Amino acid sequence: MPGRRWGPGQWWSATTGRHVACGSAAMRGQLMVLDRDPEVVGLAGRPVRLLWRDARGQVRSWVPQLFARHRDGTAVLADCPSHPEAGGERARKAAKVLEAACAQAGWSYRRLEPLEKTLTANLKWLAGYRHPRNAGRPRLAAAVRETFAQPRPLIEGAEAAGDPIEVLPVVFHSLWHGKLTTDLETPLHERVLVSTDADGANGRGGPGSGDGR
């Protein structure tokens, strides 16, 4: 809504199969990164409100934007500022309190850097294919992985695997889930190199790319 810093929204997580509260473009960008990370097993939006008293005895509060649980049991609370100075002095003071509180809980606290525009656009495109319905038939999914065993342009591999209308959703689904890789720091187009090998596709764009972790 006009004039509001927080807007209602939901992100369907491929990691959990559930919706995560999301209210800003910057937060959605970080959700996309975390949702692709194979080490992340749990996600929540605005999970907790932290209350404390400052040096003057006044009650202060802060609601971190994201919570992520990792496969190894570690966890992180995070904020997703739209620019490094977002939130001003209040955010800086809250960050110190959150860092201390998380340390006591065995967690960590992060202010995640905004994503670069090209990476954000690429992730938004691939996210449209994150749902299991785009995984394709087992035989087709295997053919897609086989055709990209060596780096080759996206469209060439799609045509080699079958009808591009059927194959391309499987390719994009595989790119989202890290079964295929490409350089997500350059705009996606039909000639980008795609591979099953992260090094073969310039070593970038795999799960978790761009999350600053």
N, C-alpha and C. Protein backbone atom coordinates (compact mmCIF):
# COMPACT_ATOMS: atom_id res chain seq x y z
N MET A 1 0.83 -1.18 0.00
CA MET A 1 0.00 0.00 0.00
C MET A 1 0.87 1.24 0.00
N PRO A 2 0.40 2.37 -0.59
CA PRO A 2 1.20 3.59 -0.62
C PRO A 2 1.56 4.07 0.78
N GLY A 3 2.83 4.42 0.97
CA GLY A 3 3.27 4.95 2.25
C GLY A 3 3.67 3.90 3.27
N ARG A 4 3.45 2.62 2.97
CA ARG A 4 3.81 1.56 3.89
C ARG A 4 5.13 0.92 3.48
N ARG A 5 5.97 0.65 4.50
CA ARG A 5 7.25 0.02 4.22
C ARG A 5 7.10 -1.49 4.06
N TRP A 6 6.04 -2.03 4.60
CA TRP A 6 5.82 -3.47 4.55
C TRP A 6 4.52 -3.74 3.82
N GLY A 7 4.56 -4.61 2.84
CA GLY A 7 3.36 -4.97 2.12
C GLY A 7 3.13 -6.46 2.21
N PRO A 8 1.87 -6.88 2.30
CA PRO A 8 1.61 -8.31 2.42
C PRO A 8 2.00 -9.06 1.17
N GLY A 9 2.56 -10.24 1.34
CA GLY A 9 2.93 -11.07 0.21
C GLY A 9 3.31 -12.45 0.69
N GLN A 10 3.33 -13.41 -0.23
CA GLN A 10 3.68 -14.78 0.10
C GLN A 10 4.61 -15.33 -0.97
N TRP A 11 5.63 -16.06 -0.53
CA TRP A 11 6.54 -16.73 -1.45
C TRP A 11 6.39 -18.23 -1.23
N TRP A 12 6.06 -18.97 -2.31
CA TRP A 12 5.98 -20.42 -2.18
C TRP A 12 7.39 -20.99 -2.24
N SER A 13 7.77 -21.68 -1.16
CA SER A 13 9.13 -22.20 -1.04
C SER A 13 9.23 -23.61 -1.60
N ALA A 14 10.15 -23.80 -2.55
CA ALA A 14 10.42 -25.13 -3.07
C ALA A 14 11.12 -25.99 -2.02
N THR A 15 11.76 -25.35 -1.04
CA THR A 15 12.46 -26.07 0.01
C THR A 15 11.50 -26.73 0.98
N THR A 16 10.48 -25.98 1.40
CA THR A 16 9.57 -26.47 2.43
C THR A 16 8.22 -26.90 1.88
N GLY A 17 7.87 -26.48 0.66
CA GLY A 17 6.55 -26.76 0.11
C GLY A 17 5.47 -25.91 0.75
N ARG A 18 5.86 -24.84 1.43
CA ARG A 18 4.91 -23.96 2.12
C ARG A 18 5.19 -22.51 1.73
N HIS A 19 4.25 -21.64 2.10
CA HIS A 19 4.42 -20.21 1.83
C HIS A 19 5.21 -19.54 2.95
N VAL A 20 6.01 -18.56 2.55
CA VAL A 20 6.79 -17.75 3.49
C VAL A 20 6.36 -16.31 3.32
N ALA A 21 6.08 -15.63 4.44
CA ALA A 21 5.68 -14.23 4.39
C ALA A 21 6.78 -13.40 3.76
N CYS A 22 6.41 -12.52 2.86
CA CYS A 22 7.38 -11.72 2.10
C CYS A 22 6.75 -10.38 1.78
N GLY A 23 7.46 -9.28 2.11
CA GLY A 23 6.83 -7.99 1.92
C GLY A 23 7.67 -6.94 1.22
N SER A 24 8.79 -7.32 0.62
CA SER A 24 9.58 -6.34 -0.12
C SER A 24 10.34 -7.05 -1.23
N ALA A 25 10.73 -6.29 -2.24
CA ALA A 25 11.49 -6.88 -3.35
C ALA A 25 12.84 -7.39 -2.87
N ALA A 26 13.48 -6.65 -1.96
CA ALA A 26 14.78 -7.08 -1.45
C ALA A 26 14.65 -8.38 -0.68
N MET A 27 13.59 -8.50 0.10
CA MET A 27 13.36 -9.73 0.86
C MET A 27 13.07 -10.89 -0.07
N ARG A 28 12.28 -10.66 -1.09
CA ARG A 28 11.98 -11.71 -2.05
C ARG A 28 13.25 -12.20 -2.74
N GLY A 29 14.15 -11.27 -3.07
CA GLY A 29 15.40 -11.65 -3.70
C GLY A 29 16.21 -12.59 -2.82
N GLN A 30 16.30 -12.27 -1.53
CA GLN A 30 17.06 -13.13 -0.63
C GLN A 30 16.35 -14.46 -0.39
N LEU A 31 15.03 -14.45 -0.41
CA LEU A 31 14.29 -15.70 -0.30
C LEU A 31 14.59 -16.61 -1.48
N MET A 32 14.70 -16.03 -2.67
CA MET A 32 15.02 -16.83 -3.84
C MET A 32 16.37 -17.50 -3.68
N VAL A 33 17.35 -16.74 -3.20
CA VAL A 33 18.70 -17.30 -3.02
C VAL A 33 18.68 -18.43 -2.00
N LEU A 34 18.03 -18.20 -0.85
CA LEU A 34 17.99 -19.21 0.20
C LEU A 34 17.19 -20.43 -0.24
N ASP A 35 16.13 -20.19 -1.01
CA ASP A 35 15.29 -21.30 -1.44
C ASP A 35 16.03 -22.22 -2.41
N ARG A 36 17.05 -21.70 -3.10
CA ARG A 36 17.84 -22.51 -4.03
C ARG A 36 19.01 -23.23 -3.34
N ASP A 37 19.33 -22.80 -2.13
CA ASP A 37 20.50 -23.33 -1.44
C ASP A 37 20.19 -24.73 -0.92
N PRO A 38 20.91 -25.75 -1.38
CA PRO A 38 20.62 -27.12 -0.94
C PRO A 38 20.91 -27.35 0.54
N GLU A 39 21.67 -26.45 1.17
CA GLU A 39 21.97 -26.60 2.59
C GLU A 39 20.87 -26.02 3.48
N VAL A 40 19.93 -25.28 2.89
CA VAL A 40 18.82 -24.71 3.65
C VAL A 40 17.66 -25.70 3.67
N VAL A 41 17.17 -26.01 4.88
CA VAL A 41 16.08 -26.98 5.01
C VAL A 41 14.82 -26.37 5.63
N GLY A 42 14.91 -25.13 6.11
CA GLY A 42 13.75 -24.48 6.69
C GLY A 42 13.80 -22.98 6.48
N LEU A 43 12.64 -22.36 6.24
CA LEU A 43 12.56 -20.92 6.00
C LEU A 43 11.32 -20.36 6.69
N ALA A 44 11.45 -19.14 7.21
CA ALA A 44 10.30 -18.45 7.80
C ALA A 44 10.49 -16.95 7.60
N GLY A 45 9.38 -16.24 7.42
CA GLY A 45 9.42 -14.79 7.26
C GLY A 45 8.93 -14.09 8.52
N ARG A 46 9.66 -13.04 8.93
CA ARG A 46 9.33 -12.28 10.13
C ARG A 46 9.01 -13.22 11.29
N PRO A 47 9.96 -14.06 11.68
CA PRO A 47 9.67 -15.17 12.59
C PRO A 47 9.54 -14.79 14.07
N VAL A 48 10.13 -13.66 14.49
CA VAL A 48 10.19 -13.37 15.91
C VAL A 48 10.33 -11.86 16.12
N ARG A 49 9.83 -11.36 17.25
CA ARG A 49 10.06 -9.97 17.64
C ARG A 49 10.97 -9.97 18.86
N LEU A 50 12.09 -9.29 18.74
CA LEU A 50 13.05 -9.20 19.84
C LEU A 50 12.81 -7.91 20.62
N LEU A 51 12.68 -8.02 21.95
CA LEU A 51 12.48 -6.87 22.83
C LEU A 51 13.67 -6.73 23.76
N TRP A 52 14.10 -5.48 24.00
CA TRP A 52 15.18 -5.23 24.95
C TRP A 52 15.08 -3.80 25.46
N ARG A 53 15.85 -3.51 26.49
CA ARG A 53 15.90 -2.15 27.03
C ARG A 53 17.24 -1.52 26.67
N ASP A 54 17.17 -0.28 26.21
CA ASP A 54 18.41 0.41 25.85
C ASP A 54 19.06 1.01 27.09
N ALA A 55 20.13 1.77 26.90
CA ALA A 55 20.88 2.33 28.03
C ALA A 55 20.04 3.26 28.89
N ARG A 56 18.98 3.83 28.33
CA ARG A 56 18.08 4.72 29.09
C ARG A 56 16.93 3.97 29.74
N GLY A 57 16.90 2.65 29.55
CA GLY A 57 15.82 1.87 30.11
C GLY A 57 14.57 1.81 29.26
N GLN A 58 14.63 2.38 28.06
CA GLN A 58 13.47 2.35 27.18
C GLN A 58 13.39 1.02 26.44
N VAL A 59 12.16 0.54 26.27
CA VAL A 59 11.95 -0.72 25.57
C VAL A 59 12.09 -0.51 24.07
N ARG A 60 12.91 -1.31 23.45
CA ARG A 60 13.09 -1.27 22.00
C ARG A 60 12.68 -2.63 21.43
N SER A 61 12.39 -2.65 20.14
CA SER A 61 12.02 -3.92 19.51
C SER A 61 12.49 -3.94 18.06
N TRP A 62 12.63 -5.15 17.55
CA TRP A 62 13.01 -5.33 16.15
C TRP A 62 12.49 -6.69 15.67
N VAL A 63 12.01 -6.72 14.44
CA VAL A 63 11.53 -7.96 13.84
C VAL A 63 12.42 -8.29 12.65
N PRO A 64 13.33 -9.26 12.78
CA PRO A 64 14.14 -9.68 11.63
C PRO A 64 13.24 -10.21 10.52
N GLN A 65 13.68 -10.05 9.28
CA GLN A 65 12.81 -10.40 8.16
C GLN A 65 12.82 -11.88 7.81
N LEU A 66 13.94 -12.54 8.03
CA LEU A 66 14.03 -13.94 7.59
C LEU A 66 14.71 -14.82 8.63
N PHE A 67 14.30 -16.08 8.63
CA PHE A 67 14.97 -17.11 9.40
C PHE A 67 15.25 -18.27 8.47
N ALA A 68 16.45 -18.81 8.52
CA ALA A 68 16.80 -19.97 7.70
C ALA A 68 17.51 -21.00 8.57
N ARG A 69 17.04 -22.25 8.47
CA ARG A 69 17.68 -23.36 9.17
C ARG A 69 18.49 -24.15 8.16
N HIS A 70 19.73 -24.49 8.51
CA HIS A 70 20.61 -25.23 7.61
C HIS A 70 20.63 -26.72 7.95
N ARG A 71 21.05 -27.49 6.99
CA ARG A 71 21.07 -28.94 7.12
C ARG A 71 21.91 -29.40 8.32
N ASP A 72 22.96 -28.65 8.63
CA ASP A 72 23.83 -29.05 9.74
C ASP A 72 23.31 -28.59 11.09
N GLY A 73 22.11 -28.02 11.13
CA GLY A 73 21.50 -27.59 12.38
C GLY A 73 21.73 -26.14 12.73
N THR A 74 22.66 -25.48 12.06
CA THR A 74 22.87 -24.06 12.32
C THR A 74 21.72 -23.25 11.74
N ALA A 75 21.61 -22.00 12.18
CA ALA A 75 20.50 -21.16 11.74
C ALA A 75 20.95 -19.71 11.66
N VAL A 76 20.21 -18.93 10.90
CA VAL A 76 20.52 -17.52 10.73
C VAL A 76 19.25 -16.70 10.73
N LEU A 77 19.27 -15.59 11.46
CA LEU A 77 18.26 -14.55 11.35
C LEU A 77 18.84 -13.49 10.44
N ALA A 78 18.03 -12.94 9.57
CA ALA A 78 18.57 -11.99 8.59
C ALA A 78 17.59 -10.87 8.31
N ASP A 79 18.14 -9.73 7.98
CA ASP A 79 17.39 -8.62 7.43
C ASP A 79 17.82 -8.42 5.99
N CYS A 80 16.93 -7.84 5.19
CA CYS A 80 17.16 -7.70 3.75
C CYS A 80 17.00 -6.25 3.35
N PRO A 81 17.93 -5.38 3.73
CA PRO A 81 17.80 -3.96 3.39
C PRO A 81 17.88 -3.73 1.89
N SER A 82 17.15 -2.73 1.43
CA SER A 82 17.17 -2.41 0.01
C SER A 82 18.44 -1.69 -0.39
N HIS A 83 19.15 -1.12 0.59
CA HIS A 83 20.47 -0.51 0.36
C HIS A 83 21.23 -0.58 1.68
N PRO A 84 22.55 -0.48 1.66
CA PRO A 84 23.36 -0.71 2.86
C PRO A 84 22.99 0.15 4.06
N GLU A 85 22.50 1.37 3.83
CA GLU A 85 22.21 2.28 4.93
C GLU A 85 20.74 2.26 5.33
N ALA A 86 19.97 1.35 4.80
CA ALA A 86 18.54 1.29 5.13
C ALA A 86 18.34 1.05 6.62
N GLY A 87 17.39 1.77 7.20
CA GLY A 87 17.11 1.63 8.63
C GLY A 87 17.88 2.57 9.51
N GLY A 88 18.97 3.16 8.98
CA GLY A 88 19.73 4.15 9.71
C GLY A 88 20.29 3.67 11.03
N GLU A 89 20.37 4.58 12.00
CA GLU A 89 20.98 4.29 13.29
C GLU A 89 20.19 3.23 14.06
N ARG A 90 18.86 3.26 13.93
CA ARG A 90 18.04 2.26 14.63
C ARG A 90 18.40 0.86 14.18
N ALA A 91 18.60 0.68 12.88
CA ALA A 91 18.96 -0.64 12.36
C ALA A 91 20.34 -1.06 12.84
N ARG A 92 21.27 -0.12 12.89
CA ARG A 92 22.63 -0.45 13.33
C ARG A 92 22.63 -0.89 14.80
N LYS A 93 21.84 -0.19 15.64
CA LYS A 93 21.77 -0.57 17.04
C LYS A 93 21.09 -1.92 17.20
N ALA A 94 20.04 -2.13 16.43
CA ALA A 94 19.33 -3.41 16.50
C ALA A 94 20.24 -4.54 16.06
N ALA A 95 21.08 -4.31 15.06
CA ALA A 95 21.97 -5.36 14.57
C ALA A 95 22.91 -5.83 15.67
N LYS A 96 23.42 -4.91 16.48
CA LYS A 96 24.33 -5.30 17.56
C LYS A 96 23.61 -6.17 18.59
N VAL A 97 22.36 -5.80 18.92
CA VAL A 97 21.60 -6.58 19.88
C VAL A 97 21.27 -7.96 19.31
N LEU A 98 20.89 -7.98 18.04
CA LEU A 98 20.55 -9.25 17.39
C LEU A 98 21.76 -10.17 17.29
N GLU A 99 22.91 -9.62 16.99
CA GLU A 99 24.12 -10.43 16.93
C GLU A 99 24.40 -11.10 18.28
N ALA A 100 24.25 -10.33 19.36
CA ALA A 100 24.49 -10.87 20.70
C ALA A 100 23.45 -11.92 21.07
N ALA A 101 22.18 -11.65 20.77
CA ALA A 101 21.11 -12.59 21.10
C ALA A 101 21.26 -13.88 20.31
N CYS A 102 21.59 -13.76 19.04
CA CYS A 102 21.76 -14.96 18.21
C CYS A 102 22.95 -15.78 18.67
N ALA A 103 24.01 -15.11 19.09
CA ALA A 103 25.19 -15.83 19.57
C ALA A 103 24.83 -16.69 20.78
N GLN A 104 23.97 -16.17 21.66
CA GLN A 104 23.55 -16.93 22.83
C GLN A 104 22.72 -18.15 22.44
N ALA A 105 21.98 -18.02 21.33
CA ALA A 105 21.13 -19.13 20.88
C ALA A 105 21.88 -20.09 19.97
N GLY A 106 23.15 -19.77 19.64
CA GLY A 106 23.91 -20.60 18.72
C GLY A 106 23.56 -20.34 17.27
N TRP A 107 22.95 -19.18 16.99
CA TRP A 107 22.60 -18.79 15.64
C TRP A 107 23.57 -17.70 15.17
N SER A 108 23.27 -17.13 14.02
CA SER A 108 24.00 -15.95 13.55
C SER A 108 22.99 -14.95 13.00
N TYR A 109 23.42 -13.71 12.94
CA TYR A 109 22.57 -12.65 12.38
C TYR A 109 23.30 -12.00 11.22
N ARG A 110 22.57 -11.73 10.13
CA ARG A 110 23.16 -11.13 8.94
C ARG A 110 22.28 -10.03 8.41
N ARG A 111 22.91 -8.98 7.88
CA ARG A 111 22.22 -8.01 7.03
C ARG A 111 22.69 -8.33 5.60
N LEU A 112 21.81 -8.93 4.83
CA LEU A 112 22.18 -9.44 3.52
C LEU A 112 22.24 -8.32 2.50
N GLU A 113 23.31 -8.29 1.73
CA GLU A 113 23.48 -7.24 0.72
C GLU A 113 22.47 -7.41 -0.41
N PRO A 114 21.92 -6.31 -0.91
CA PRO A 114 20.97 -6.41 -2.03
C PRO A 114 21.60 -7.11 -3.22
N LEU A 115 20.80 -7.87 -3.94
CA LEU A 115 21.29 -8.59 -5.10
C LEU A 115 21.48 -7.67 -6.29
N GLU A 116 22.41 -8.03 -7.13
CA GLU A 116 22.62 -7.30 -8.38
C GLU A 116 21.41 -7.51 -9.29
N LYS A 117 21.08 -6.51 -10.12
CA LYS A 117 19.84 -6.54 -10.89
C LYS A 117 19.76 -7.72 -11.85
N THR A 118 20.86 -8.03 -12.51
CA THR A 118 20.82 -9.14 -13.47
C THR A 118 20.58 -10.47 -12.76
N LEU A 119 21.26 -10.68 -11.65
CA LEU A 119 21.05 -11.90 -10.88
C LEU A 119 19.60 -12.00 -10.42
N THR A 120 19.05 -10.89 -9.93
CA THR A 120 17.66 -10.88 -9.48
C THR A 120 16.72 -11.26 -10.61
N ALA A 121 16.93 -10.66 -11.78
CA ALA A 121 16.06 -10.96 -12.93
C ALA A 121 16.16 -12.42 -13.34
N ASN A 122 17.36 -12.97 -13.34
CA ASN A 122 17.54 -14.37 -13.71
C ASN A 122 16.86 -15.30 -12.71
N LEU A 123 17.02 -15.00 -11.42
CA LEU A 123 16.40 -15.84 -10.41
C LEU A 123 14.88 -15.77 -10.49
N LYS A 124 14.34 -14.58 -10.76
CA LYS A 124 12.89 -14.44 -10.90
C LYS A 124 12.38 -15.30 -12.05
N TRP A 125 13.13 -15.33 -13.14
CA TRP A 125 12.71 -16.15 -14.28
C TRP A 125 12.73 -17.63 -13.91
N LEU A 126 13.84 -18.09 -13.34
CA LEU A 126 13.95 -19.50 -12.99
C LEU A 126 12.96 -19.90 -11.90
N ALA A 127 12.66 -18.96 -11.01
CA ALA A 127 11.72 -19.26 -9.94
C ALA A 127 10.34 -19.64 -10.47
N GLY A 128 10.01 -19.14 -11.65
CA GLY A 128 8.73 -19.50 -12.25
C GLY A 128 8.62 -20.97 -12.59
N TYR A 129 9.74 -21.68 -12.54
CA TYR A 129 9.78 -23.10 -12.88
C TYR A 129 10.22 -23.96 -11.70
N ARG A 130 10.18 -23.42 -10.49
CA ARG A 130 10.69 -24.14 -9.32
C ARG A 130 9.77 -25.26 -8.85
N HIS A 131 8.48 -25.19 -9.20
CA HIS A 131 7.52 -26.17 -8.72
C HIS A 131 7.82 -27.56 -9.31
N PRO A 132 7.57 -28.64 -8.55
CA PRO A 132 7.83 -29.99 -9.06
C PRO A 132 7.11 -30.33 -10.35
N ARG A 133 6.03 -29.64 -10.66
CA ARG A 133 5.31 -29.96 -11.90
C ARG A 133 6.17 -29.72 -13.14
N ASN A 134 7.25 -28.94 -12.99
CA ASN A 134 8.14 -28.66 -14.12
C ASN A 134 9.35 -29.59 -14.17
N ALA A 135 9.38 -30.59 -13.29
CA ALA A 135 10.54 -31.49 -13.25
C ALA A 135 10.61 -32.38 -14.48
N GLY A 136 9.47 -32.62 -15.12
CA GLY A 136 9.46 -33.46 -16.32
C GLY A 136 9.41 -34.94 -16.01
N ARG A 137 9.09 -35.71 -17.03
CA ARG A 137 9.10 -37.16 -16.88
C ARG A 137 10.53 -37.64 -16.56
N PRO A 138 10.66 -38.70 -15.77
CA PRO A 138 12.02 -39.16 -15.40
C PRO A 138 12.93 -39.38 -16.60
N ARG A 139 12.40 -39.95 -17.67
CA ARG A 139 13.24 -40.20 -18.84
C ARG A 139 13.67 -38.89 -19.49
N LEU A 140 12.76 -37.91 -19.52
CA LEU A 140 13.10 -36.61 -20.12
C LEU A 140 14.11 -35.88 -19.25
N ALA A 141 13.90 -35.90 -17.94
CA ALA A 141 14.83 -35.24 -17.03
C ALA A 141 16.24 -35.82 -17.17
N ALA A 142 16.31 -37.15 -17.32
CA ALA A 142 17.62 -37.78 -17.51
C ALA A 142 18.24 -37.38 -18.84
N ALA A 143 17.40 -37.26 -19.88
CA ALA A 143 17.91 -36.86 -21.19
C ALA A 143 18.45 -35.43 -21.15
N VAL A 144 17.79 -34.57 -20.39
CA VAL A 144 18.25 -33.18 -20.26
C VAL A 144 19.61 -33.14 -19.59
N ARG A 145 19.77 -33.89 -18.52
CA ARG A 145 21.08 -33.91 -17.84
C ARG A 145 22.16 -34.48 -18.75
N GLU A 146 21.81 -35.48 -19.51
CA GLU A 146 22.80 -36.10 -20.40
C GLU A 146 23.22 -35.15 -21.50
N THR A 147 22.27 -34.42 -22.07
CA THR A 147 22.61 -33.55 -23.20
C THR A 147 23.47 -32.37 -22.76
N PHE A 148 23.42 -32.04 -21.47
CA PHE A 148 24.25 -30.94 -20.96
C PHE A 148 25.44 -31.47 -20.15
N ALA A 149 25.82 -32.72 -20.39
CA ALA A 149 26.97 -33.28 -19.68
C ALA A 149 28.24 -32.48 -20.00
N GLN A 150 28.28 -31.92 -21.20
CA GLN A 150 29.34 -30.99 -21.59
C GLN A 150 28.68 -29.63 -21.86
N PRO A 151 29.37 -28.52 -21.55
CA PRO A 151 28.77 -27.20 -21.75
C PRO A 151 28.32 -27.00 -23.19
N ARG A 152 27.11 -26.49 -23.35
CA ARG A 152 26.60 -26.18 -24.68
C ARG A 152 25.53 -25.11 -24.56
N PRO A 153 25.25 -24.38 -25.63
CA PRO A 153 24.22 -23.34 -25.57
C PRO A 153 22.87 -23.93 -25.17
N LEU A 154 22.14 -23.18 -24.39
CA LEU A 154 20.87 -23.64 -23.85
C LEU A 154 19.93 -24.19 -24.92
N ILE A 155 19.73 -23.43 -25.99
CA ILE A 155 18.76 -23.83 -27.00
C ILE A 155 19.23 -25.08 -27.76
N GLU A 156 20.52 -25.20 -27.98
CA GLU A 156 21.03 -26.39 -28.67
C GLU A 156 20.78 -27.65 -27.84
N GLY A 157 21.03 -27.55 -26.55
CA GLY A 157 20.79 -28.70 -25.68
C GLY A 157 19.32 -29.05 -25.58
N ALA A 158 18.47 -28.02 -25.52
CA ALA A 158 17.03 -28.26 -25.44
C ALA A 158 16.53 -28.96 -26.70
N GLU A 159 17.01 -28.52 -27.85
CA GLU A 159 16.59 -29.14 -29.11
C GLU A 159 17.11 -30.57 -29.23
N ALA A 160 18.30 -30.82 -28.69
CA ALA A 160 18.87 -32.16 -28.75
C ALA A 160 18.10 -33.13 -27.86
N ALA A 161 17.50 -32.62 -26.78
CA ALA A 161 16.79 -33.48 -25.84
C ALA A 161 15.36 -33.78 -26.26
N GLY A 162 14.82 -32.97 -27.19
CA GLY A 162 13.43 -33.19 -27.60
C GLY A 162 12.78 -31.91 -28.06
N ASP A 163 11.46 -31.85 -27.94
CA ASP A 163 10.70 -30.67 -28.32
C ASP A 163 10.98 -29.56 -27.30
N PRO A 164 11.56 -28.42 -27.73
CA PRO A 164 11.89 -27.36 -26.78
C PRO A 164 10.70 -26.89 -25.93
N ILE A 165 9.49 -26.95 -26.47
CA ILE A 165 8.32 -26.54 -25.70
C ILE A 165 8.17 -27.40 -24.45
N GLU A 166 8.51 -28.68 -24.58
CA GLU A 166 8.44 -29.59 -23.44
C GLU A 166 9.73 -29.58 -22.63
N VAL A 167 10.84 -29.39 -23.31
CA VAL A 167 12.14 -29.53 -22.66
C VAL A 167 12.53 -28.29 -21.85
N LEU A 168 12.25 -27.10 -22.36
CA LEU A 168 12.74 -25.89 -21.70
C LEU A 168 12.26 -25.75 -20.25
N PRO A 169 11.00 -26.03 -19.93
CA PRO A 169 10.62 -25.98 -18.51
C PRO A 169 11.46 -26.90 -17.63
N VAL A 170 11.83 -28.07 -18.17
CA VAL A 170 12.67 -29.01 -17.43
C VAL A 170 14.06 -28.43 -17.23
N VAL A 171 14.58 -27.77 -18.27
CA VAL A 171 15.90 -27.14 -18.17
C VAL A 171 15.89 -26.05 -17.10
N PHE A 172 14.86 -25.18 -17.13
CA PHE A 172 14.79 -24.10 -16.15
C PHE A 172 14.58 -24.64 -14.74
N HIS A 173 13.78 -25.68 -14.61
CA HIS A 173 13.59 -26.32 -13.31
C HIS A 173 14.92 -26.87 -12.80
N SER A 174 15.68 -27.50 -13.67
CA SER A 174 16.97 -28.06 -13.29
C SER A 174 17.97 -26.97 -12.93
N LEU A 175 17.91 -25.84 -13.62
CA LEU A 175 18.79 -24.72 -13.29
C LEU A 175 18.43 -24.14 -11.92
N TRP A 176 17.15 -24.07 -11.62
CA TRP A 176 16.74 -23.57 -10.31
C TRP A 176 17.26 -24.48 -9.19
N HIS A 177 17.13 -25.79 -9.39
CA HIS A 177 17.49 -26.75 -8.34
C HIS A 177 18.95 -27.16 -8.37
N GLY A 178 19.75 -26.57 -9.26
CA GLY A 178 21.18 -26.83 -9.26
C GLY A 178 21.61 -28.11 -9.94
N LYS A 179 20.69 -28.79 -10.62
CA LYS A 179 21.07 -29.99 -11.37
C LYS A 179 21.79 -29.60 -12.66
N LEU A 180 21.52 -28.39 -13.14
CA LEU A 180 22.27 -27.77 -14.22
C LEU A 180 22.77 -26.43 -13.72
N THR A 181 23.83 -25.93 -14.33
CA THR A 181 24.38 -24.65 -13.92
C THR A 181 24.62 -23.76 -15.13
N THR A 182 24.64 -22.47 -14.86
CA THR A 182 25.02 -21.47 -15.85
C THR A 182 25.46 -20.23 -15.10
N ASP A 183 25.96 -19.25 -15.80
CA ASP A 183 26.40 -18.00 -15.20
C ASP A 183 25.19 -17.10 -15.02
N LEU A 184 24.70 -16.97 -13.79
CA LEU A 184 23.52 -16.15 -13.53
C LEU A 184 23.85 -14.69 -13.31
N GLU A 185 25.11 -14.32 -13.46
CA GLU A 185 25.49 -12.92 -13.34
C GLU A 185 25.46 -12.21 -14.69
N THR A 186 25.13 -12.95 -15.74
CA THR A 186 24.90 -12.36 -17.06
C THR A 186 23.48 -12.71 -17.48
N PRO A 187 22.85 -11.89 -18.33
CA PRO A 187 21.45 -12.14 -18.69
C PRO A 187 21.25 -13.50 -19.34
N LEU A 188 20.20 -14.19 -18.93
CA LEU A 188 19.86 -15.46 -19.56
C LEU A 188 19.36 -15.21 -20.98
N HIS A 189 19.83 -16.04 -21.90
CA HIS A 189 19.33 -15.99 -23.28
C HIS A 189 19.57 -17.37 -23.88
N GLU A 190 19.11 -17.57 -25.11
CA GLU A 190 19.11 -18.92 -25.67
C GLU A 190 20.50 -19.47 -25.95
N ARG A 191 21.53 -18.60 -25.97
CA ARG A 191 22.88 -19.07 -26.28
C ARG A 191 23.78 -19.18 -25.04
N VAL A 192 23.24 -18.94 -23.84
CA VAL A 192 24.09 -19.06 -22.65
C VAL A 192 24.55 -20.51 -22.52
N LEU A 193 25.76 -20.70 -22.01
CA LEU A 193 26.29 -22.05 -21.82
C LEU A 193 25.67 -22.68 -20.58
N VAL A 194 25.19 -23.88 -20.74
CA VAL A 194 24.57 -24.64 -19.65
C VAL A 194 25.33 -25.95 -19.51
N SER A 195 25.49 -26.42 -18.29
CA SER A 195 26.24 -27.64 -18.05
C SER A 195 25.77 -28.29 -16.76
N THR A 196 26.07 -29.57 -16.61
CA THR A 196 25.86 -30.24 -15.33
C THR A 196 27.02 -29.98 -14.38
N ASP A 197 28.08 -29.39 -14.89
CA ASP A 197 29.31 -29.14 -14.15
C ASP A 197 29.43 -27.66 -13.87
N ALA A 198 29.49 -27.27 -12.57
CA ALA A 198 29.58 -25.85 -12.22
C ALA A 198 30.80 -25.20 -12.84
N ASP A 199 31.93 -25.90 -12.86
CA ASP A 199 33.13 -25.33 -13.46
C ASP A 199 32.96 -25.16 -14.97
N GLY A 200 32.23 -26.08 -15.59
CA GLY A 200 32.02 -25.99 -17.03
C GLY A 200 31.13 -24.84 -17.44
N ALA A 201 30.34 -24.34 -16.51
CA ALA A 201 29.45 -23.20 -16.80
C ALA A 201 29.97 -21.96 -16.08
N ASN A 202 31.29 -21.78 -16.10
CA ASN A 202 31.96 -20.63 -15.52
C ASN A 202 31.98 -20.63 -14.00
N GLY A 203 31.49 -21.73 -13.42
CA GLY A 203 31.60 -21.86 -11.96
C GLY A 203 30.68 -20.95 -11.19
N ARG A 204 29.69 -20.34 -11.83
CA ARG A 204 28.80 -19.44 -11.11
C ARG A 204 27.37 -19.83 -11.41
N GLY A 205 26.50 -19.36 -10.55
CA GLY A 205 25.08 -19.58 -10.77
C GLY A 205 24.55 -20.84 -10.14
N GLY A 206 25.37 -21.55 -9.35
CA GLY A 206 24.89 -22.73 -8.67
C GLY A 206 24.04 -22.35 -7.49
N PRO A 207 23.49 -23.34 -6.74
CA PRO A 207 22.65 -23.07 -5.60
C PRO A 207 23.34 -22.18 -4.59
N GLY A 208 22.62 -21.17 -4.12
CA GLY A 208 23.17 -20.28 -3.12
C GLY A 208 24.00 -19.16 -3.69
N SER A 209 24.13 -19.06 -4.99
CA SER A 209 24.95 -18.01 -5.58
C SER A 209 24.38 -16.65 -5.26
N GLY A 210 25.27 -15.74 -4.82
CA GLY A 210 24.85 -14.36 -4.60
C GLY A 210 24.25 -14.09 -3.24
N ASP A 211 24.29 -15.04 -2.29
CA ASP A 211 23.66 -14.79 -1.02
C ASP A 211 24.57 -14.11 -0.02
N GLY A 212 25.86 -13.92 -0.42
CA GLY A 212 26.77 -13.20 0.45
C GLY A 212 27.21 -14.01 1.67
N ARG A 213 26.89 -15.30 1.68
CA ARG A 213 27.25 -16.09 2.85
C ARG A 213 28.65 -16.63 2.72
